[in-house]
Amino acid sequence: MLRCGQMMLAQALICRHLGRDWNWEKQKEQPKEYQRILQCFLDRKDCCYSIHQMAQMGVGEGKSIGEWFGPNTVAQVLKKLALFDEWNSLAVYVSMDNTVVIEDIKKMCCVLPLSAGMPSERPYDPLNAPNHNKATSACCPAWKPLLLIVPLRLGINQINPVYVDAFKECFKMPQSLGALGGKPNNAYYFIGFLGDELIFLDPHTTQTFVDTEENGMVDDQTFHCLQSPQRMSILNLDPSVALGFFCKEEKDFDSWCNLVQKEILKENLRMFELVQKHPSHWPPFVPPAKPEVTTTGAEFIDSTEQLEEFDLEEDFEILSV
């Protein structure tokens, strides 16, 4: 499931930097952004989305190192790790209680552009925003690219057939990143469907360790499918899943909301809810911010030369969050 979470996030970063229509071709020179994306996922403790960082951050979600993660736990881990990733600058929203709140997402993704000398982006507050006619273009809010994850439970021991059509409909949306899920004892990354079968990528393949080469490039052969995607009956799906969506611009999110209203909320038994306002009985929504951590600084190291002052790999641990 850790690897499946990496797959979904990597697809979001590709959409973010290279566009949804980008395709990988073997032996073809790739953009520099592509190499930077690969370096985010190397199996090293100083890479922001490495399996080490994900497992370590899972401890804060009650999962010991080596313990199995579910889709929701992976989603929460990605949400936390994204706060330390300034280059990709993603806003990660994980829905709660099967409910996506439009107001909260807008509050998290609408930020005021940086002016010179400002250390960080500021959330956009529409209540205190200047009058639109008086405001200059520099004051107009900017949209922070959104990774939206919707963890769901679609049954008790197996998926309830009433959710099948709505689940398949999500893969048709242009914002779709697929779904995290699987079947008992096997985690898969689902990327589409054909009839009543789901198409998935299987992470259960041992690969040779890959690191940055002397020229700064990454050998990317094993980062891509070495065999054709597989298929399974949708009725064999474990009911615990997490849907993923990427909205690079605000108009993408607005379009997604319209599609959900049209295709998902029309069902009598809704797969999840989409509401405009933050529910009054919920705690107030506070956009996540980078927490203060006690750390040796490994996740902030920019070059391997800086690693020489550390003697052991065990020095690179997030001690508390």
C-alpha atoms as a PDB file:
ATOM      1  CA  MET A   1       0.000   0.000   0.000  1.00  0.00           C
ATOM      2  CA  LEU A   2       2.963   2.333   0.557  1.00  0.00           C
ATOM      3  CA  ARG A   3       4.047   1.774  -3.041  1.00  0.00           C
ATOM      4  CA  CYS A   4       0.478   2.295  -4.283  1.00  0.00           C
ATOM      5  CA  GLY A   5       0.379   5.615  -2.458  1.00  0.00           C
ATOM      6  CA  GLN A   6       3.637   6.573  -4.161  1.00  0.00           C
ATOM      7  CA  MET A   7       2.127   5.654  -7.542  1.00  0.00           C
ATOM      8  CA  MET A   8      -0.914   7.867  -7.054  1.00  0.00           C
ATOM      9  CA  LEU A   9       1.174  10.792  -5.822  1.00  0.00           C
ATOM     10  CA  ALA A  10       3.670  10.383  -8.681  1.00  0.00           C
ATOM     11  CA  GLN A  11       0.798  10.562 -11.167  1.00  0.00           C
ATOM     12  CA  ALA A  12      -0.375  13.774  -9.491  1.00  0.00           C
ATOM     13  CA  LEU A  13       3.119  15.277  -9.803  1.00  0.00           C
ATOM     14  CA  ILE A  14       3.285  14.307 -13.473  1.00  0.00           C
ATOM     15  CA  CYS A  15      -0.030  16.091 -14.053  1.00  0.00           C
ATOM     16  CA  ARG A  16       1.311  19.032 -12.057  1.00  0.00           C
ATOM     17  CA  HIS A  17       4.587  19.507 -13.971  1.00  0.00           C
ATOM     18  CA  LEU A  18       4.305  17.627 -17.270  1.00  0.00           C
ATOM     19  CA  GLY A  19       0.591  17.595 -18.011  1.00  0.00           C
ATOM     20  CA  ARG A  20      -1.949  14.771 -18.096  1.00  0.00           C
ATOM     21  CA  ASP A  21      -1.197  13.968 -21.746  1.00  0.00           C
ATOM     22  CA  TRP A  22       2.523  13.314 -21.121  1.00  0.00           C
ATOM     23  CA  ASN A  23       3.744   9.777 -21.891  1.00  0.00           C
ATOM     24  CA  TRP A  24       7.002   8.075 -21.011  1.00  0.00           C
ATOM     25  CA  GLU A  25       9.087   6.674 -23.858  1.00  0.00           C
ATOM     26  CA  LYS A  26      12.021   4.367 -23.236  1.00  0.00           C
ATOM     27  CA  GLN A  27      15.480   5.851 -23.914  1.00  0.00           C
ATOM     28  CA  LYS A  28      13.978   9.248 -24.716  1.00  0.00           C
ATOM     29  CA  GLU A  29      15.439  12.335 -23.050  1.00  0.00           C
ATOM     30  CA  GLN A  30      12.950  13.645 -20.504  1.00  0.00           C
ATOM     31  CA  PRO A  31      12.337  17.136 -19.077  1.00  0.00           C
ATOM     32  CA  LYS A  32      14.309  18.130 -15.976  1.00  0.00           C
ATOM     33  CA  GLU A  33      11.049  18.198 -13.988  1.00  0.00           C
ATOM     34  CA  TYR A  34      10.669  14.499 -14.678  1.00  0.00           C
ATOM     35  CA  GLN A  35      14.040  13.742 -13.086  1.00  0.00           C
ATOM     36  CA  ARG A  36      13.133  15.843 -10.055  1.00  0.00           C
ATOM     37  CA  ILE A  37       9.908  13.885  -9.655  1.00  0.00           C
ATOM     38  CA  LEU A  38      11.850  10.597  -9.717  1.00  0.00           C
ATOM     39  CA  GLN A  39      14.221  11.872  -7.052  1.00  0.00           C
ATOM     40  CA  CYS A  40      11.291  12.507  -4.709  1.00  0.00           C
ATOM     41  CA  PHE A  41      10.647   8.742  -4.581  1.00  0.00           C
ATOM     42  CA  LEU A  42      14.133   7.222  -4.342  1.00  0.00           C
ATOM     43  CA  ASP A  43      14.523   4.659  -1.557  1.00  0.00           C
ATOM     44  CA  ARG A  44      16.634   6.966   0.611  1.00  0.00           C
ATOM     45  CA  LYS A  45      15.753   8.530   3.921  1.00  0.00           C
ATOM     46  CA  ASP A  46      16.500  12.036   2.670  1.00  0.00           C
ATOM     47  CA  CYS A  47      13.950  11.854  -0.194  1.00  0.00           C
ATOM     48  CA  CYS A  48      10.640  13.464   0.708  1.00  0.00           C
ATOM     49  CA  TYR A  49       8.342  10.629  -0.450  1.00  0.00           C
ATOM     50  CA  SER A  50      10.665   7.664   0.057  1.00  0.00           C
ATOM     51  CA  ILE A  51       9.269   4.484   1.552  1.00  0.00           C
ATOM     52  CA  HIS A  52      11.342   5.323   4.659  1.00  0.00           C
ATOM     53  CA  GLN A  53       9.626   8.675   5.152  1.00  0.00           C
ATOM     54  CA  MET A  54       6.177   7.195   4.553  1.00  0.00           C
ATOM     55  CA  ALA A  55       6.713   4.361   7.021  1.00  0.00           C
ATOM     56  CA  GLN A  56       8.145   6.734   9.615  1.00  0.00           C
ATOM     57  CA  MET A  57       5.287   9.216   9.232  1.00  0.00           C
ATOM     58  CA  GLY A  58       2.858   6.332   9.618  1.00  0.00           C
ATOM     59  CA  VAL A  59       3.997   5.939  13.213  1.00  0.00           C
ATOM     60  CA  GLY A  60       2.113   9.152  13.958  1.00  0.00           C
ATOM     61  CA  GLU A  61      -0.993   7.492  12.503  1.00  0.00           C
ATOM     62  CA  GLY A  62      -0.668   4.557  14.897  1.00  0.00           C
ATOM     63  CA  LYS A  63       1.093   2.211  12.466  1.00  0.00           C
ATOM     64  CA  SER A  64       4.380   0.713  13.618  1.00  0.00           C
ATOM     65  CA  ILE A  65       7.212   0.233  11.136  1.00  0.00           C
ATOM     66  CA  GLY A  66       6.393  -2.876   9.101  1.00  0.00           C
ATOM     67  CA  GLU A  67       2.691  -2.854  10.002  1.00  0.00           C
ATOM     68  CA  TRP A  68       0.224  -2.950   7.110  1.00  0.00           C
ATOM     69  CA  PHE A  69      -1.313   0.331   6.006  1.00  0.00           C
ATOM     70  CA  GLY A  70      -4.831   0.851   4.717  1.00  0.00           C
ATOM     71  CA  PRO A  71      -5.810   3.385   2.037  1.00  0.00           C
ATOM     72  CA  ASN A  72      -6.857   6.002   4.603  1.00  0.00           C
ATOM     73  CA  THR A  73      -3.580   5.753   6.521  1.00  0.00           C
ATOM     74  CA  VAL A  74      -1.562   6.230   3.329  1.00  0.00           C
ATOM     75  CA  ALA A  75      -3.693   9.260   2.476  1.00  0.00           C
ATOM     76  CA  GLN A  76      -3.013  10.825   5.890  1.00  0.00           C
ATOM     77  CA  VAL A  77       0.719  10.136   5.525  1.00  0.00           C
ATOM     78  CA  LEU A  78       0.866  11.821   2.102  1.00  0.00           C
ATOM     79  CA  LYS A  79      -1.023  14.795   3.517  1.00  0.00           C
ATOM     80  CA  LYS A  80       1.614  15.257   6.223  1.00  0.00           C
ATOM     81  CA  LEU A  81       4.656  14.678   4.015  1.00  0.00           C
ATOM     82  CA  ALA A  82       3.407  17.173   1.421  1.00  0.00           C
ATOM     83  CA  LEU A  83       3.812  19.934   4.016  1.00  0.00           C
ATOM     84  CA  PHE A  84       7.596  19.484   3.795  1.00  0.00           C
ATOM     85  CA  ASP A  85       7.645  19.512  -0.014  1.00  0.00           C
ATOM     86  CA  GLU A  86       8.104  23.119  -1.102  1.00  0.00           C
ATOM     87  CA  TRP A  87       9.013  22.386  -4.727  1.00  0.00           C
ATOM     88  CA  ASN A  88       5.759  20.654  -5.674  1.00  0.00           C
ATOM     89  CA  SER A  89       3.688  22.874  -3.364  1.00  0.00           C
ATOM     90  CA  LEU A  90       0.618  20.630  -3.289  1.00  0.00           C
ATOM     91  CA  ALA A  91      -2.446  21.139  -1.143  1.00  0.00           C
ATOM     92  CA  VAL A  92      -3.523  17.664  -0.002  1.00  0.00           C
ATOM     93  CA  TYR A  93      -7.104  17.333   1.203  1.00  0.00           C
ATOM     94  CA  VAL A  94      -8.293  14.062   2.718  1.00  0.00           C
ATOM     95  CA  SER A  95     -12.046  13.920   3.184  1.00  0.00           C
ATOM     96  CA  MET A  96     -13.544  12.998   6.546  1.00  0.00           C
ATOM     97  CA  ASP A  97     -16.702  10.989   7.201  1.00  0.00           C
ATOM     98  CA  ASN A  98     -17.273  10.417   3.457  1.00  0.00           C
ATOM     99  CA  THR A  99     -17.807  14.166   3.015  1.00  0.00           C
ATOM    100  CA  VAL A 100     -15.940  16.621   0.784  1.00  0.00           C
ATOM    101  CA  VAL A 101     -16.368  20.247   1.917  1.00  0.00           C
ATOM    102  CA  ILE A 102     -16.009  22.797  -0.885  1.00  0.00           C
ATOM    103  CA  GLU A 103     -15.532  25.721   1.509  1.00  0.00           C
ATOM    104  CA  ASP A 104     -12.587  24.028   3.258  1.00  0.00           C
ATOM    105  CA  ILE A 105     -10.857  23.153  -0.004  1.00  0.00           C
ATOM    106  CA  LYS A 106     -11.205  26.709  -1.305  1.00  0.00           C
ATOM    107  CA  LYS A 107      -9.786  28.034   1.947  1.00  0.00           C
ATOM    108  CA  MET A 108      -6.808  25.677   1.682  1.00  0.00           C
ATOM    109  CA  CYS A 109      -6.064  26.178  -2.024  1.00  0.00           C
ATOM    110  CA  CYS A 110      -6.702  29.908  -2.458  1.00  0.00           C
ATOM    111  CA  VAL A 111      -3.511  31.700  -1.457  1.00  0.00           C
ATOM    112  CA  LEU A 112      -2.262  35.244  -1.938  1.00  0.00           C
ATOM    113  CA  PRO A 113       0.738  35.361  -4.307  1.00  0.00           C
ATOM    114  CA  LEU A 114       4.079  35.993  -2.675  1.00  0.00           C
ATOM    115  CA  SER A 115       5.489  39.479  -2.721  1.00  0.00           C
ATOM    116  CA  ALA A 116       9.212  40.052  -2.479  1.00  0.00           C
ATOM    117  CA  GLY A 117      10.718  39.091   0.829  1.00  0.00           C
ATOM    118  CA  MET A 118       7.714  37.192   2.154  1.00  0.00           C
ATOM    119  CA  PRO A 119       8.755  33.834   3.622  1.00  0.00           C
ATOM    120  CA  SER A 120       5.631  31.847   2.698  1.00  0.00           C
ATOM    121  CA  GLU A 121       2.255  31.928   1.048  1.00  0.00           C
ATOM    122  CA  ARG A 122      -0.686  33.251   3.016  1.00  0.00           C
ATOM    123  CA  PRO A 123      -4.142  31.655   2.884  1.00  0.00           C
ATOM    124  CA  TYR A 124      -6.691  33.794   1.102  1.00  0.00           C
ATOM    125  CA  ASP A 125      -9.392  35.142   3.407  1.00  0.00           C
ATOM    126  CA  PRO A 126     -12.371  36.310   1.332  1.00  0.00           C
ATOM    127  CA  LEU A 127     -13.847  38.134   4.316  1.00  0.00           C
ATOM    128  CA  ASN A 128     -10.803  40.386   4.621  1.00  0.00           C
ATOM    129  CA  ALA A 129      -9.948  40.592   0.930  1.00  0.00           C
ATOM    130  CA  PRO A 130      -9.825  44.046  -0.693  1.00  0.00           C
ATOM    131  CA  ASN A 131     -12.685  45.197  -2.872  1.00  0.00           C
ATOM    132  CA  HIS A 132     -12.404  43.467  -6.242  1.00  0.00           C
ATOM    133  CA  ASN A 133     -12.597  46.747  -8.190  1.00  0.00           C
ATOM    134  CA  LYS A 134      -9.843  48.320  -6.137  1.00  0.00           C
ATOM    135  CA  ALA A 135      -7.579  45.322  -5.939  1.00  0.00           C
ATOM    136  CA  THR A 136      -4.688  45.023  -8.341  1.00  0.00           C
ATOM    137  CA  SER A 137      -3.884  41.776 -10.128  1.00  0.00           C
ATOM    138  CA  ALA A 138      -1.100  41.121  -7.596  1.00  0.00           C
ATOM    139  CA  CYS A 139      -3.731  40.813  -4.859  1.00  0.00           C
ATOM    140  CA  CYS A 140      -5.856  38.280  -6.710  1.00  0.00           C
ATOM    141  CA  PRO A 141      -5.685  34.877  -5.027  1.00  0.00           C
ATOM    142  CA  ALA A 142      -3.699  32.103  -6.677  1.00  0.00           C
ATOM    143  CA  TRP A 143      -4.747  28.441  -6.675  1.00  0.00           C
ATOM    144  CA  LYS A 144      -2.504  25.889  -5.019  1.00  0.00           C
ATOM    145  CA  PRO A 145      -2.655  22.594  -6.999  1.00  0.00           C
ATOM    146  CA  LEU A 146      -4.960  20.180  -5.189  1.00  0.00           C
ATOM    147  CA  LEU A 147      -4.519  16.479  -4.500  1.00  0.00           C
ATOM    148  CA  LEU A 148      -7.954  15.369  -3.305  1.00  0.00           C
ATOM    149  CA  ILE A 149      -8.210  11.947  -1.658  1.00  0.00           C
ATOM    150  CA  VAL A 150     -11.559  10.458  -0.655  1.00  0.00           C
ATOM    151  CA  PRO A 151     -11.222   7.377   1.608  1.00  0.00           C
ATOM    152  CA  LEU A 152     -14.356   5.213   1.496  1.00  0.00           C
ATOM    153  CA  ARG A 153     -15.835   2.062   2.956  1.00  0.00           C
ATOM    154  CA  LEU A 154     -18.084   0.589   0.273  1.00  0.00           C
ATOM    155  CA  GLY A 155     -19.383  -2.381   2.225  1.00  0.00           C
ATOM    156  CA  ILE A 156     -18.656  -4.561   5.245  1.00  0.00           C
ATOM    157  CA  ASN A 157     -16.746  -7.612   4.043  1.00  0.00           C
ATOM    158  CA  GLN A 158     -17.081  -7.011   0.296  1.00  0.00           C
ATOM    159  CA  ILE A 159     -18.091  -4.159  -1.968  1.00  0.00           C
ATOM    160  CA  ASN A 160     -21.816  -3.448  -2.069  1.00  0.00           C
ATOM    161  CA  PRO A 161     -22.959  -3.779  -5.718  1.00  0.00           C
ATOM    162  CA  VAL A 162     -25.027  -0.574  -5.420  1.00  0.00           C
ATOM    163  CA  TYR A 163     -21.779   1.434  -5.446  1.00  0.00           C
ATOM    164  CA  VAL A 164     -20.285  -0.202  -8.545  1.00  0.00           C
ATOM    165  CA  ASP A 165     -21.620   2.235 -11.150  1.00  0.00           C
ATOM    166  CA  ALA A 166     -20.651   5.317  -9.159  1.00  0.00           C
ATOM    167  CA  PHE A 167     -17.194   3.873  -8.469  1.00  0.00           C
ATOM    168  CA  LYS A 168     -16.615   3.258 -12.170  1.00  0.00           C
ATOM    169  CA  GLU A 169     -17.891   6.740 -12.994  1.00  0.00           C
ATOM    170  CA  CYS A 170     -15.026   8.274 -10.993  1.00  0.00           C
ATOM    171  CA  PHE A 171     -12.458   6.810 -13.393  1.00  0.00           C
ATOM    172  CA  LYS A 172     -14.114   8.686 -16.277  1.00  0.00           C
ATOM    173  CA  MET A 173     -13.523  12.089 -14.687  1.00  0.00           C
ATOM    174  CA  PRO A 174     -10.646  14.049 -16.278  1.00  0.00           C
ATOM    175  CA  GLN A 175      -9.348  14.849 -12.768  1.00  0.00           C
ATOM    176  CA  SER A 176      -9.105  11.163 -11.777  1.00  0.00           C
ATOM    177  CA  LEU A 177      -5.910   9.700 -10.347  1.00  0.00           C
ATOM    178  CA  GLY A 178      -7.447   6.259  -9.938  1.00  0.00           C
ATOM    179  CA  ALA A 179      -7.951   4.533  -6.601  1.00  0.00           C
ATOM    180  CA  LEU A 180      -5.991   2.853  -3.823  1.00  0.00           C
ATOM    181  CA  GLY A 181      -7.348  -0.495  -2.704  1.00  0.00           C
ATOM    182  CA  GLY A 182      -6.971  -4.179  -3.414  1.00  0.00           C
ATOM    183  CA  LYS A 183      -8.198  -7.483  -2.132  1.00  0.00           C
ATOM    184  CA  PRO A 184      -7.325  -9.300   1.123  1.00  0.00           C
ATOM    185  CA  ASN A 185      -3.526  -9.352   1.631  1.00  0.00           C
ATOM    186  CA  ASN A 186      -2.853  -7.547  -1.675  1.00  0.00           C
ATOM    187  CA  ALA A 187      -2.752  -3.793  -2.331  1.00  0.00           C
ATOM    188  CA  TYR A 188      -3.267  -2.521  -5.880  1.00  0.00           C
ATOM    189  CA  TYR A 189      -3.335   0.827  -7.667  1.00  0.00           C
ATOM    190  CA  PHE A 190      -6.474   0.918  -9.816  1.00  0.00           C
ATOM    191  CA  ILE A 191      -6.227   3.087 -12.932  1.00  0.00           C
ATOM    192  CA  GLY A 192      -9.395   2.277 -14.900  1.00  0.00           C
ATOM    193  CA  PHE A 193     -12.004  -0.311 -15.783  1.00  0.00           C
ATOM    194  CA  LEU A 194     -13.208  -2.435 -18.670  1.00  0.00           C
ATOM    195  CA  GLY A 195     -16.767  -3.666 -18.345  1.00  0.00           C
ATOM    196  CA  ASP A 196     -17.062  -5.064 -14.818  1.00  0.00           C
ATOM    197  CA  GLU A 197     -13.305  -5.537 -14.427  1.00  0.00           C
ATOM    198  CA  LEU A 198     -10.893  -3.085 -12.824  1.00  0.00           C
ATOM    199  CA  ILE A 199      -7.494  -2.414 -14.418  1.00  0.00           C
ATOM    200  CA  PHE A 200      -4.685  -2.225 -11.864  1.00  0.00           C
ATOM    201  CA  LEU A 201      -0.939  -1.971 -11.358  1.00  0.00           C
ATOM    202  CA  ASP A 202       0.562  -4.505  -8.958  1.00  0.00           C
ATOM    203  CA  PRO A 203       3.456  -3.321  -6.747  1.00  0.00           C
ATOM    204  CA  HIS A 204       4.388  -6.839  -5.595  1.00  0.00           C
ATOM    205  CA  THR A 205       7.531  -7.120  -7.710  1.00  0.00           C
ATOM    206  CA  THR A 206      11.026  -6.967  -6.236  1.00  0.00           C
ATOM    207  CA  GLN A 207      13.185  -4.429  -8.080  1.00  0.00           C
ATOM    208  CA  THR A 208      16.893  -3.630  -8.033  1.00  0.00           C
ATOM    209  CA  PHE A 209      17.764  -0.647  -5.833  1.00  0.00           C
ATOM    210  CA  VAL A 210      18.085   2.573  -7.839  1.00  0.00           C
ATOM    211  CA  ASP A 211      19.983   5.696  -6.822  1.00  0.00           C
ATOM    212  CA  THR A 212      21.052   8.942  -8.454  1.00  0.00           C
ATOM    213  CA  GLU A 213      23.905   8.425 -10.918  1.00  0.00           C
ATOM    214  CA  GLU A 214      27.043  10.580 -11.101  1.00  0.00           C
ATOM    215  CA  ASN A 215      25.483  12.841 -13.728  1.00  0.00           C
ATOM    216  CA  GLY A 216      22.504  13.472 -11.452  1.00  0.00           C
ATOM    217  CA  MET A 217      20.155  11.332 -13.535  1.00  0.00           C
ATOM    218  CA  VAL A 218      18.052   8.389 -12.335  1.00  0.00           C
ATOM    219  CA  ASP A 219      17.795   5.085 -14.210  1.00  0.00           C
ATOM    220  CA  ASP A 220      14.035   5.049 -14.624  1.00  0.00           C
ATOM    221  CA  GLN A 221      13.389   1.629 -16.201  1.00  0.00           C
ATOM    222  CA  THR A 222      11.841   0.085 -13.086  1.00  0.00           C
ATOM    223  CA  PHE A 223       9.720   3.161 -12.369  1.00  0.00           C
ATOM    224  CA  HIS A 224       7.423   2.171 -15.232  1.00  0.00           C
ATOM    225  CA  CYS A 225       5.380  -0.900 -16.199  1.00  0.00           C
ATOM    226  CA  LEU A 226       7.593  -3.804 -17.194  1.00  0.00           C
ATOM    227  CA  GLN A 227       4.492  -5.890 -17.915  1.00  0.00           C
ATOM    228  CA  SER A 228       0.916  -5.195 -18.953  1.00  0.00           C
ATOM    229  CA  PRO A 229      -1.565  -4.002 -16.297  1.00  0.00           C
ATOM    230  CA  GLN A 230      -3.765  -6.721 -14.821  1.00  0.00           C
ATOM    231  CA  ARG A 231      -7.523  -7.002 -14.364  1.00  0.00           C
ATOM    232  CA  MET A 232      -9.857  -8.285 -11.657  1.00  0.00           C
ATOM    233  CA  SER A 233     -13.610  -8.406 -11.123  1.00  0.00           C
ATOM    234  CA  ILE A 234     -14.852  -5.288  -9.383  1.00  0.00           C
ATOM    235  CA  LEU A 235     -16.929  -7.475  -7.040  1.00  0.00           C
ATOM    236  CA  ASN A 236     -13.680  -8.977  -5.642  1.00  0.00           C
ATOM    237  CA  LEU A 237     -12.551  -5.526  -4.509  1.00  0.00           C
ATOM    238  CA  ASP A 238     -11.949  -5.016  -0.802  1.00  0.00           C
ATOM    239  CA  PRO A 239     -14.525  -2.426   0.373  1.00  0.00           C
ATOM    240  CA  SER A 240     -11.842  -0.160   1.870  1.00  0.00           C
ATOM    241  CA  VAL A 241     -10.638   2.153  -0.908  1.00  0.00           C
ATOM    242  CA  ALA A 242      -9.427   5.711  -1.480  1.00  0.00           C
ATOM    243  CA  LEU A 243     -10.289   7.693  -4.611  1.00  0.00           C
ATOM    244  CA  GLY A 244      -7.735  10.214  -5.893  1.00  0.00           C
ATOM    245  CA  PHE A 245      -8.263  13.378  -7.942  1.00  0.00           C
ATOM    246  CA  PHE A 246      -5.936  16.161  -9.078  1.00  0.00           C
ATOM    247  CA  CYS A 247      -7.102  19.721  -9.744  1.00  0.00           C
ATOM    248  CA  LYS A 248      -4.294  21.893 -11.054  1.00  0.00           C
ATOM    249  CA  GLU A 249      -6.468  24.995 -11.307  1.00  0.00           C
ATOM    250  CA  GLU A 250      -9.593  26.223  -9.573  1.00  0.00           C
ATOM    251  CA  LYS A 251     -11.643  25.640 -12.721  1.00  0.00           C
ATOM    252  CA  ASP A 252     -10.623  21.960 -12.598  1.00  0.00           C
ATOM    253  CA  PHE A 253     -12.033  21.684  -9.083  1.00  0.00           C
ATOM    254  CA  ASP A 254     -15.234  23.499 -10.033  1.00  0.00           C
ATOM    255  CA  SER A 255     -15.637  21.126 -12.981  1.00  0.00           C
ATOM    256  CA  TRP A 256     -15.077  18.134 -10.674  1.00  0.00           C
ATOM    257  CA  CYS A 257     -17.781  19.407  -8.305  1.00  0.00           C
ATOM    258  CA  ASN A 258     -20.224  19.661 -11.207  1.00  0.00           C
ATOM    259  CA  LEU A 259     -19.424  16.117 -12.319  1.00  0.00           C
ATOM    260  CA  VAL A 260     -19.912  14.772  -8.795  1.00  0.00           C
ATOM    261  CA  GLN A 261     -23.273  16.540  -8.535  1.00  0.00           C
ATOM    262  CA  LYS A 262     -24.327  15.077 -11.865  1.00  0.00           C
ATOM    263  CA  GLU A 263     -22.948  11.524 -11.673  1.00  0.00           C
ATOM    264  CA  ILE A 264     -22.350  10.583  -8.019  1.00  0.00           C
ATOM    265  CA  LEU A 265     -24.990  12.408  -6.011  1.00  0.00           C
ATOM    266  CA  LYS A 266     -27.808  11.228  -8.272  1.00  0.00           C
ATOM    267  CA  GLU A 267     -27.669   7.778  -6.660  1.00  0.00           C
ATOM    268  CA  ASN A 268     -30.061   6.871  -3.827  1.00  0.00           C
ATOM    269  CA  LEU A 269     -27.182   5.350  -1.847  1.00  0.00           C
ATOM    270  CA  ARG A 270     -24.463   7.953  -2.317  1.00  0.00           C
ATOM    271  CA  MET A 271     -20.850   6.829  -2.322  1.00  0.00           C
ATOM    272  CA  PHE A 272     -19.825  10.098  -0.644  1.00  0.00           C
ATOM    273  CA  GLU A 273     -21.246  13.569  -0.013  1.00  0.00           C
ATOM    274  CA  LEU A 274     -20.241  16.946  -1.451  1.00  0.00           C
ATOM    275  CA  VAL A 275     -21.320  19.958   0.630  1.00  0.00           C
ATOM    276  CA  GLN A 276     -20.752  23.675   0.206  1.00  0.00           C
ATOM    277  CA  LYS A 277     -20.353  24.739   3.842  1.00  0.00           C
ATOM    278  CA  HIS A 278     -18.292  23.307   6.685  1.00  0.00           C
ATOM    279  CA  PRO A 279     -20.650  21.241   8.915  1.00  0.00           C
ATOM    280  CA  SER A 280     -21.460  23.151  12.089  1.00  0.00           C
ATOM    281  CA  HIS A 281     -21.010  20.104  14.331  1.00  0.00           C
ATOM    282  CA  TRP A 282     -17.434  19.533  13.078  1.00  0.00           C
ATOM    283  CA  PRO A 283     -14.391  21.179  14.667  1.00  0.00           C
ATOM    284  CA  PRO A 284     -13.319  24.368  12.843  1.00  0.00           C
ATOM    285  CA  PHE A 285     -11.267  23.745   9.713  1.00  0.00           C
ATOM    286  CA  VAL A 286      -7.673  24.935   9.933  1.00  0.00           C
ATOM    287  CA  PRO A 287      -5.594  24.607   6.728  1.00  0.00           C
ATOM    288  CA  PRO A 288      -2.672  22.283   7.492  1.00  0.00           C
ATOM    289  CA  ALA A 289       0.657  24.008   8.024  1.00  0.00           C
ATOM    290  CA  LYS A 290       4.190  22.680   8.177  1.00  0.00           C
ATOM    291  CA  PRO A 291       4.668  21.525  11.786  1.00  0.00           C
ATOM    292  CA  GLU A 292       7.661  22.248  13.942  1.00  0.00           C
ATOM    293  CA  VAL A 293       9.687  19.039  14.121  1.00  0.00           C
ATOM    294  CA  THR A 294      12.665  17.837  16.076  1.00  0.00           C
ATOM    295  CA  THR A 295      14.883  16.348  13.403  1.00  0.00           C
ATOM    296  CA  THR A 296      18.467  15.869  12.335  1.00  0.00           C
ATOM    297  CA  GLY A 297      17.567  17.685   9.140  1.00  0.00           C
ATOM    298  CA  ALA A 298      17.967  14.778   6.730  1.00  0.00           C
ATOM    299  CA  GLU A 299      14.772  15.575   4.854  1.00  0.00           C
ATOM    300  CA  PHE A 300      16.023  19.086   4.144  1.00  0.00           C
ATOM    301  CA  ILE A 301      19.453  18.116   2.825  1.00  0.00           C
ATOM    302  CA  ASP A 302      19.983  19.247  -0.762  1.00  0.00           C
ATOM    303  CA  SER A 303      23.189  17.432  -1.727  1.00  0.00           C
ATOM    304  CA  THR A 304      25.025  14.249  -0.853  1.00  0.00           C
ATOM    305  CA  GLU A 305      28.096  16.256   0.234  1.00  0.00           C
ATOM    306  CA  GLN A 306      26.144  17.393   3.278  1.00  0.00           C
ATOM    307  CA  LEU A 307      25.616  13.773   4.307  1.00  0.00           C
ATOM    308  CA  GLU A 308      29.288  13.221   5.068  1.00  0.00           C
ATOM    309  CA  GLU A 309      28.991  14.738   8.538  1.00  0.00           C
ATOM    310  CA  PHE A 310      26.619  11.905   9.517  1.00  0.00           C
ATOM    311  CA  ASP A 311      28.235   8.570  10.328  1.00  0.00           C
ATOM    312  CA  LEU A 312      25.217   6.283  10.349  1.00  0.00           C
ATOM    313  CA  GLU A 313      21.991   5.946   8.412  1.00  0.00           C
ATOM    314  CA  GLU A 314      20.198   5.738  11.755  1.00  0.00           C
ATOM    315  CA  ASP A 315      21.010   9.424  12.313  1.00  0.00           C
ATOM    316  CA  PHE A 316      18.339  10.361   9.771  1.00  0.00           C
ATOM    317  CA  GLU A 317      15.159   9.970  11.782  1.00  0.00           C
ATOM    318  CA  ILE A 318      12.188  12.262  12.375  1.00  0.00           C
ATOM    319  CA  LEU A 319      12.101  12.194  16.148  1.00  0.00           C
ATOM    320  CA  SER A 320       8.750  13.863  16.768  1.00  0.00           C
ATOM    321  CA  VAL A 321       5.997  15.643  14.902  1.00  0.00           C
END
